[in-house]
Amino acid sequence: MQRKNLNSNRNDRVASKVQTIVAEILRDNYSDDPLLSGVSLVGSVAHGGLQYVRLFFVCRDENHDAVQQKLDAETRTMRFELAQRMNQKYVPEIKFMYDDTIERAARLDELLKNL
C-alpha cells in the first residue's frame, strides 16, 4: 500500500515538473506568437507509467480550437526542448487539452440563478 502512494507522488512530481518546464518554453520561445502568448498551463496529469503527460491550458483567445491546433503542431518542438531541460532518462509524450472548468462553472452559476 505504501508503494502505490510513492508512485502516485512520483507521477505528480513528474507532471508538475513537465508543466513548469513547458510553461517556461512557452514564455521563452513563443512570447511573440499571437495565439500562444496568451496560453496558461493550469494543470497536469502523468499516466501510462510516466510515458504520457496531459497538460491542461486556458487561453485569452476565444478561439481555443485554433490554439489547440497550434499547440498540437508545436508539440514535437516543445518536447525536444523539454528533453534538453529535463534531467531524466526518458521524456514523456505531452498532450495539450483545453480546460473548460471556468466555462462549466459559469454555466452552473447561471443555471442556479434561474432556479
N, C-alpha and C. Protein backbone atom coordinates (compact mmCIF):
# COMPACT_ATOMS: atom_id res chain seq x y z
N MET A 1 0.83 -1.20 0.00
CA MET A 1 0.00 0.00 0.00
C MET A 1 0.86 1.25 0.00
N GLN A 2 1.91 1.25 0.74
CA GLN A 2 2.83 2.38 0.79
C GLN A 2 3.44 2.66 -0.59
N ARG A 3 3.77 1.61 -1.31
CA ARG A 3 4.41 1.75 -2.60
C ARG A 3 3.52 2.50 -3.60
N LYS A 4 2.23 2.22 -3.59
CA LYS A 4 1.32 2.89 -4.51
C LYS A 4 1.33 4.40 -4.27
N ASN A 5 1.35 4.82 -3.02
CA ASN A 5 1.39 6.24 -2.71
C ASN A 5 2.67 6.88 -3.21
N LEU A 6 3.78 6.16 -3.12
CA LEU A 6 5.04 6.70 -3.61
C LEU A 6 5.00 6.88 -5.13
N ASN A 7 4.46 5.90 -5.84
CA ASN A 7 4.36 6.02 -7.29
C ASN A 7 3.43 7.16 -7.68
N SER A 8 2.33 7.30 -6.97
CA SER A 8 1.40 8.37 -7.25
C SER A 8 2.08 9.72 -7.03
N ASN A 9 2.85 9.81 -5.97
CA ASN A 9 3.57 11.04 -5.68
C ASN A 9 4.59 11.32 -6.79
N ARG A 10 5.24 10.29 -7.28
CA ARG A 10 6.22 10.46 -8.36
C ARG A 10 5.51 10.95 -9.63
N ASN A 11 4.35 10.39 -9.93
CA ASN A 11 3.58 10.85 -11.08
C ASN A 11 3.28 12.34 -10.97
N ASP A 12 2.85 12.75 -9.78
CA ASP A 12 2.53 14.16 -9.56
C ASP A 12 3.76 15.04 -9.72
N ARG A 13 4.89 14.59 -9.18
CA ARG A 13 6.12 15.37 -9.28
C ARG A 13 6.58 15.52 -10.72
N VAL A 14 6.55 14.43 -11.48
CA VAL A 14 6.97 14.48 -12.88
C VAL A 14 6.01 15.37 -13.68
N ALA A 15 4.72 15.20 -13.46
CA ALA A 15 3.73 16.02 -14.17
C ALA A 15 3.92 17.51 -13.86
N SER A 16 4.17 17.81 -12.61
CA SER A 16 4.38 19.20 -12.20
C SER A 16 5.66 19.76 -12.82
N LYS A 17 6.70 18.95 -12.86
CA LYS A 17 7.97 19.38 -13.46
C LYS A 17 7.80 19.65 -14.95
N VAL A 18 7.10 18.77 -15.64
CA VAL A 18 6.85 18.95 -17.08
C VAL A 18 6.03 20.21 -17.30
N GLN A 19 5.00 20.42 -16.47
CA GLN A 19 4.16 21.61 -16.60
C GLN A 19 5.00 22.88 -16.44
N THR A 20 5.86 22.92 -15.45
CA THR A 20 6.69 24.09 -15.21
C THR A 20 7.63 24.35 -16.37
N ILE A 21 8.29 23.31 -16.86
CA ILE A 21 9.25 23.49 -17.94
C ILE A 21 8.56 23.89 -19.24
N VAL A 22 7.42 23.28 -19.55
CA VAL A 22 6.69 23.65 -20.78
C VAL A 22 6.18 25.09 -20.67
N ALA A 23 5.76 25.52 -19.50
CA ALA A 23 5.35 26.91 -19.31
C ALA A 23 6.52 27.85 -19.58
N GLU A 24 7.72 27.47 -19.12
CA GLU A 24 8.90 28.28 -19.39
C GLU A 24 9.22 28.30 -20.89
N ILE A 25 9.06 27.16 -21.56
CA ILE A 25 9.29 27.10 -23.01
C ILE A 25 8.31 28.01 -23.74
N LEU A 26 7.04 27.97 -23.34
CA LEU A 26 6.05 28.85 -23.96
C LEU A 26 6.42 30.32 -23.74
N ARG A 27 6.86 30.65 -22.54
CA ARG A 27 7.24 32.02 -22.22
C ARG A 27 8.48 32.45 -23.01
N ASP A 28 9.49 31.57 -23.07
CA ASP A 28 10.76 31.94 -23.69
C ASP A 28 10.70 31.94 -25.22
N ASN A 29 10.03 30.95 -25.81
CA ASN A 29 10.10 30.75 -27.26
C ASN A 29 8.89 31.24 -28.03
N TYR A 30 7.75 31.42 -27.36
CA TYR A 30 6.52 31.74 -28.09
C TYR A 30 5.85 33.02 -27.59
N SER A 31 6.61 33.90 -26.96
CA SER A 31 6.02 35.12 -26.41
C SER A 31 5.56 36.09 -27.50
N ASP A 32 6.11 35.97 -28.71
CA ASP A 32 5.71 36.86 -29.79
C ASP A 32 4.64 36.25 -30.70
N ASP A 33 4.25 35.02 -30.43
CA ASP A 33 3.19 34.36 -31.20
C ASP A 33 1.84 34.83 -30.68
N PRO A 34 0.98 35.38 -31.55
CA PRO A 34 -0.29 35.94 -31.05
C PRO A 34 -1.23 34.89 -30.43
N LEU A 35 -1.18 33.65 -30.89
CA LEU A 35 -2.04 32.61 -30.32
C LEU A 35 -1.46 32.04 -29.03
N LEU A 36 -0.18 31.74 -29.03
CA LEU A 36 0.41 31.04 -27.89
C LEU A 36 0.87 31.96 -26.76
N SER A 37 0.94 33.25 -27.01
CA SER A 37 1.38 34.16 -25.95
C SER A 37 0.34 34.28 -24.84
N GLY A 38 -0.91 33.97 -25.13
CA GLY A 38 -1.96 34.06 -24.12
C GLY A 38 -2.31 32.74 -23.47
N VAL A 39 -1.47 31.73 -23.64
CA VAL A 39 -1.75 30.41 -23.08
C VAL A 39 -1.17 30.30 -21.68
N SER A 40 -1.97 29.78 -20.76
CA SER A 40 -1.52 29.49 -19.40
C SER A 40 -1.80 28.03 -19.11
N LEU A 41 -0.82 27.35 -18.57
CA LEU A 41 -0.99 25.95 -18.18
C LEU A 41 -1.52 25.93 -16.75
N VAL A 42 -2.64 25.24 -16.55
CA VAL A 42 -3.30 25.26 -15.25
C VAL A 42 -3.29 23.91 -14.54
N GLY A 43 -2.83 22.88 -15.20
CA GLY A 43 -2.81 21.57 -14.56
C GLY A 43 -2.08 20.55 -15.40
N SER A 44 -1.73 19.44 -14.76
CA SER A 44 -1.04 18.38 -15.47
C SER A 44 -1.32 17.05 -14.79
N VAL A 45 -1.35 15.99 -15.59
CA VAL A 45 -1.57 14.64 -15.10
C VAL A 45 -0.63 13.71 -15.85
N ALA A 46 0.13 12.92 -15.11
CA ALA A 46 1.00 11.91 -15.72
C ALA A 46 0.30 10.56 -15.64
N HIS A 47 0.42 9.79 -16.71
CA HIS A 47 -0.18 8.46 -16.72
C HIS A 47 0.60 7.58 -17.68
N GLY A 48 0.25 6.31 -17.70
CA GLY A 48 0.92 5.36 -18.58
C GLY A 48 2.33 5.05 -18.13
N GLY A 49 2.54 4.97 -16.83
CA GLY A 49 3.88 4.69 -16.34
C GLY A 49 4.85 5.83 -16.63
N LEU A 50 4.37 7.04 -16.53
CA LEU A 50 5.12 8.27 -16.79
C LEU A 50 5.53 8.42 -18.25
N GLN A 51 4.86 7.72 -19.14
CA GLN A 51 5.15 7.85 -20.56
C GLN A 51 4.40 9.02 -21.19
N TYR A 52 3.30 9.43 -20.57
CA TYR A 52 2.46 10.49 -21.11
C TYR A 52 2.14 11.50 -20.03
N VAL A 53 2.11 12.76 -20.42
CA VAL A 53 1.68 13.83 -19.52
C VAL A 53 0.66 14.67 -20.27
N ARG A 54 -0.50 14.80 -19.65
CA ARG A 54 -1.57 15.65 -20.19
C ARG A 54 -1.44 17.02 -19.54
N LEU A 55 -1.33 18.06 -20.36
CA LEU A 55 -1.23 19.43 -19.86
C LEU A 55 -2.52 20.17 -20.17
N PHE A 56 -3.14 20.73 -19.16
CA PHE A 56 -4.39 21.46 -19.32
C PHE A 56 -4.09 22.95 -19.43
N PHE A 57 -4.71 23.60 -20.41
CA PHE A 57 -4.43 25.01 -20.64
C PHE A 57 -5.71 25.82 -20.73
N VAL A 58 -5.57 27.10 -20.46
CA VAL A 58 -6.60 28.10 -20.73
C VAL A 58 -5.92 29.17 -21.58
N CYS A 59 -6.74 29.93 -22.30
CA CYS A 59 -6.15 30.95 -23.17
C CYS A 59 -7.03 32.19 -23.20
N ARG A 60 -6.40 33.30 -23.51
CA ARG A 60 -7.13 34.55 -23.63
C ARG A 60 -7.94 34.60 -24.91
N ASP A 61 -7.46 33.90 -25.93
CA ASP A 61 -8.12 33.90 -27.24
C ASP A 61 -9.43 33.11 -27.14
N GLU A 62 -10.49 33.65 -27.69
CA GLU A 62 -11.79 32.99 -27.67
C GLU A 62 -11.80 31.71 -28.49
N ASN A 63 -10.99 31.67 -29.53
CA ASN A 63 -10.95 30.52 -30.43
C ASN A 63 -9.94 29.50 -29.89
N HIS A 64 -10.36 28.75 -28.88
CA HIS A 64 -9.42 27.81 -28.27
C HIS A 64 -9.13 26.61 -29.17
N ASP A 65 -9.96 26.36 -30.19
CA ASP A 65 -9.66 25.29 -31.15
C ASP A 65 -8.42 25.63 -31.97
N ALA A 66 -8.29 26.89 -32.37
CA ALA A 66 -7.11 27.32 -33.12
C ALA A 66 -5.86 27.23 -32.25
N VAL A 67 -6.01 27.59 -30.97
CA VAL A 67 -4.88 27.49 -30.05
C VAL A 67 -4.50 26.02 -29.86
N GLN A 68 -5.50 25.16 -29.74
CA GLN A 68 -5.24 23.72 -29.60
C GLN A 68 -4.48 23.19 -30.81
N GLN A 69 -4.88 23.58 -32.01
CA GLN A 69 -4.21 23.13 -33.22
C GLN A 69 -2.77 23.62 -33.27
N LYS A 70 -2.55 24.87 -32.86
CA LYS A 70 -1.19 25.43 -32.86
C LYS A 70 -0.32 24.70 -31.84
N LEU A 71 -0.86 24.42 -30.66
CA LEU A 71 -0.11 23.68 -29.65
C LEU A 71 0.22 22.27 -30.14
N ASP A 72 -0.75 21.63 -30.77
CA ASP A 72 -0.50 20.29 -31.30
C ASP A 72 0.59 20.31 -32.38
N ALA A 73 0.60 21.36 -33.19
CA ALA A 73 1.62 21.48 -34.23
C ALA A 73 3.01 21.72 -33.65
N GLU A 74 3.07 22.38 -32.52
CA GLU A 74 4.35 22.72 -31.89
C GLU A 74 4.79 21.70 -30.84
N THR A 75 4.02 20.65 -30.63
CA THR A 75 4.33 19.68 -29.57
C THR A 75 5.68 19.03 -29.77
N ARG A 76 6.00 18.67 -30.97
CA ARG A 76 7.28 17.99 -31.23
C ARG A 76 8.46 18.91 -30.88
N THR A 77 8.38 20.16 -31.29
CA THR A 77 9.43 21.12 -30.98
C THR A 77 9.54 21.34 -29.47
N MET A 78 8.40 21.45 -28.80
CA MET A 78 8.40 21.65 -27.36
C MET A 78 8.97 20.43 -26.63
N ARG A 79 8.66 19.26 -27.12
CA ARG A 79 9.16 18.04 -26.48
C ARG A 79 10.68 17.94 -26.64
N PHE A 80 11.21 18.36 -27.78
CA PHE A 80 12.65 18.38 -27.98
C PHE A 80 13.30 19.34 -26.98
N GLU A 81 12.72 20.51 -26.82
CA GLU A 81 13.23 21.48 -25.85
C GLU A 81 13.08 20.95 -24.43
N LEU A 82 11.98 20.27 -24.16
CA LEU A 82 11.75 19.66 -22.85
C LEU A 82 12.84 18.64 -22.53
N ALA A 83 13.22 17.83 -23.51
CA ALA A 83 14.26 16.82 -23.31
C ALA A 83 15.58 17.47 -22.95
N GLN A 84 15.87 18.62 -23.51
CA GLN A 84 17.11 19.31 -23.19
C GLN A 84 17.11 19.89 -21.78
N ARG A 85 15.94 20.29 -21.28
CA ARG A 85 15.84 20.93 -19.97
C ARG A 85 15.59 19.97 -18.82
N MET A 86 15.07 18.78 -19.12
CA MET A 86 14.76 17.81 -18.06
C MET A 86 15.98 16.96 -17.75
N ASN A 87 16.09 16.58 -16.50
CA ASN A 87 17.19 15.72 -16.09
C ASN A 87 16.63 14.32 -15.85
N GLN A 88 16.14 13.69 -16.92
CA GLN A 88 15.56 12.36 -16.85
C GLN A 88 16.03 11.54 -18.03
N LYS A 89 16.03 10.24 -17.83
CA LYS A 89 16.44 9.36 -18.91
C LYS A 89 15.42 9.36 -20.04
N TYR A 90 14.15 9.31 -19.70
CA TYR A 90 13.07 9.29 -20.69
C TYR A 90 12.22 10.54 -20.54
N VAL A 91 11.84 11.09 -21.66
CA VAL A 91 10.99 12.28 -21.67
C VAL A 91 9.60 11.85 -22.07
N PRO A 92 8.59 12.18 -21.27
CA PRO A 92 7.23 11.74 -21.61
C PRO A 92 6.66 12.47 -22.81
N GLU A 93 5.74 11.80 -23.48
CA GLU A 93 4.97 12.44 -24.54
C GLU A 93 4.05 13.46 -23.88
N ILE A 94 3.81 14.57 -24.54
CA ILE A 94 2.91 15.58 -23.97
C ILE A 94 1.70 15.76 -24.88
N LYS A 95 0.58 15.97 -24.25
CA LYS A 95 -0.69 16.20 -24.94
C LYS A 95 -1.37 17.39 -24.28
N PHE A 96 -1.77 18.36 -25.08
CA PHE A 96 -2.44 19.54 -24.56
C PHE A 96 -3.94 19.34 -24.65
N MET A 97 -4.63 19.76 -23.58
CA MET A 97 -6.09 19.68 -23.54
C MET A 97 -6.63 20.99 -22.96
N TYR A 98 -7.66 21.51 -23.61
CA TYR A 98 -8.29 22.75 -23.13
C TYR A 98 -9.04 22.48 -21.84
N ASP A 99 -8.88 23.35 -20.85
CA ASP A 99 -9.56 23.22 -19.58
C ASP A 99 -10.78 24.14 -19.57
N ASP A 100 -11.95 23.54 -19.61
CA ASP A 100 -13.18 24.34 -19.67
C ASP A 100 -13.86 24.46 -18.32
N THR A 101 -13.13 24.34 -17.25
CA THR A 101 -13.69 24.40 -15.91
C THR A 101 -14.38 25.74 -15.65
N ILE A 102 -13.77 26.82 -16.07
CA ILE A 102 -14.33 28.15 -15.82
C ILE A 102 -15.67 28.30 -16.55
N GLU A 103 -15.72 27.83 -17.78
CA GLU A 103 -16.97 27.92 -18.55
C GLU A 103 -18.07 27.06 -17.95
N ARG A 104 -17.71 25.87 -17.48
CA ARG A 104 -18.70 24.99 -16.85
C ARG A 104 -19.20 25.60 -15.54
N ALA A 105 -18.31 26.22 -14.77
CA ALA A 105 -18.71 26.86 -13.52
C ALA A 105 -19.66 28.03 -13.79
N ALA A 106 -19.36 28.81 -14.82
CA ALA A 106 -20.23 29.93 -15.17
C ALA A 106 -21.60 29.42 -15.60
N ARG A 107 -21.63 28.33 -16.33
CA ARG A 107 -22.91 27.75 -16.76
C ARG A 107 -23.71 27.25 -15.56
N LEU A 108 -23.04 26.61 -14.60
CA LEU A 108 -23.72 26.14 -13.39
C LEU A 108 -24.26 27.32 -12.58
N ASP A 109 -23.48 28.39 -12.49
CA ASP A 109 -23.95 29.57 -11.77
C ASP A 109 -25.20 30.14 -12.44
N GLU A 110 -25.21 30.17 -13.75
CA GLU A 110 -26.37 30.68 -14.48
C GLU A 110 -27.59 29.79 -14.26
N LEU A 111 -27.39 28.47 -14.27
CA LEU A 111 -28.49 27.54 -14.00
C LEU A 111 -29.04 27.70 -12.59
N LEU A 112 -28.16 27.89 -11.64
CA LEU A 112 -28.60 28.07 -10.24
C LEU A 112 -29.36 29.39 -10.06
N LYS A 113 -28.96 30.44 -10.77
CA LYS A 113 -29.67 31.71 -10.69
C LYS A 113 -31.08 31.61 -11.25
N ASN A 114 -31.24 30.76 -12.26
CA ASN A 114 -32.54 30.61 -12.91
C ASN A 114 -33.50 29.73 -12.13
N LEU A 115 -33.05 29.06 -11.10
CA LEU A 115 -33.95 28.20 -10.32
C LEU A 115 -34.91 28.98 -9.51
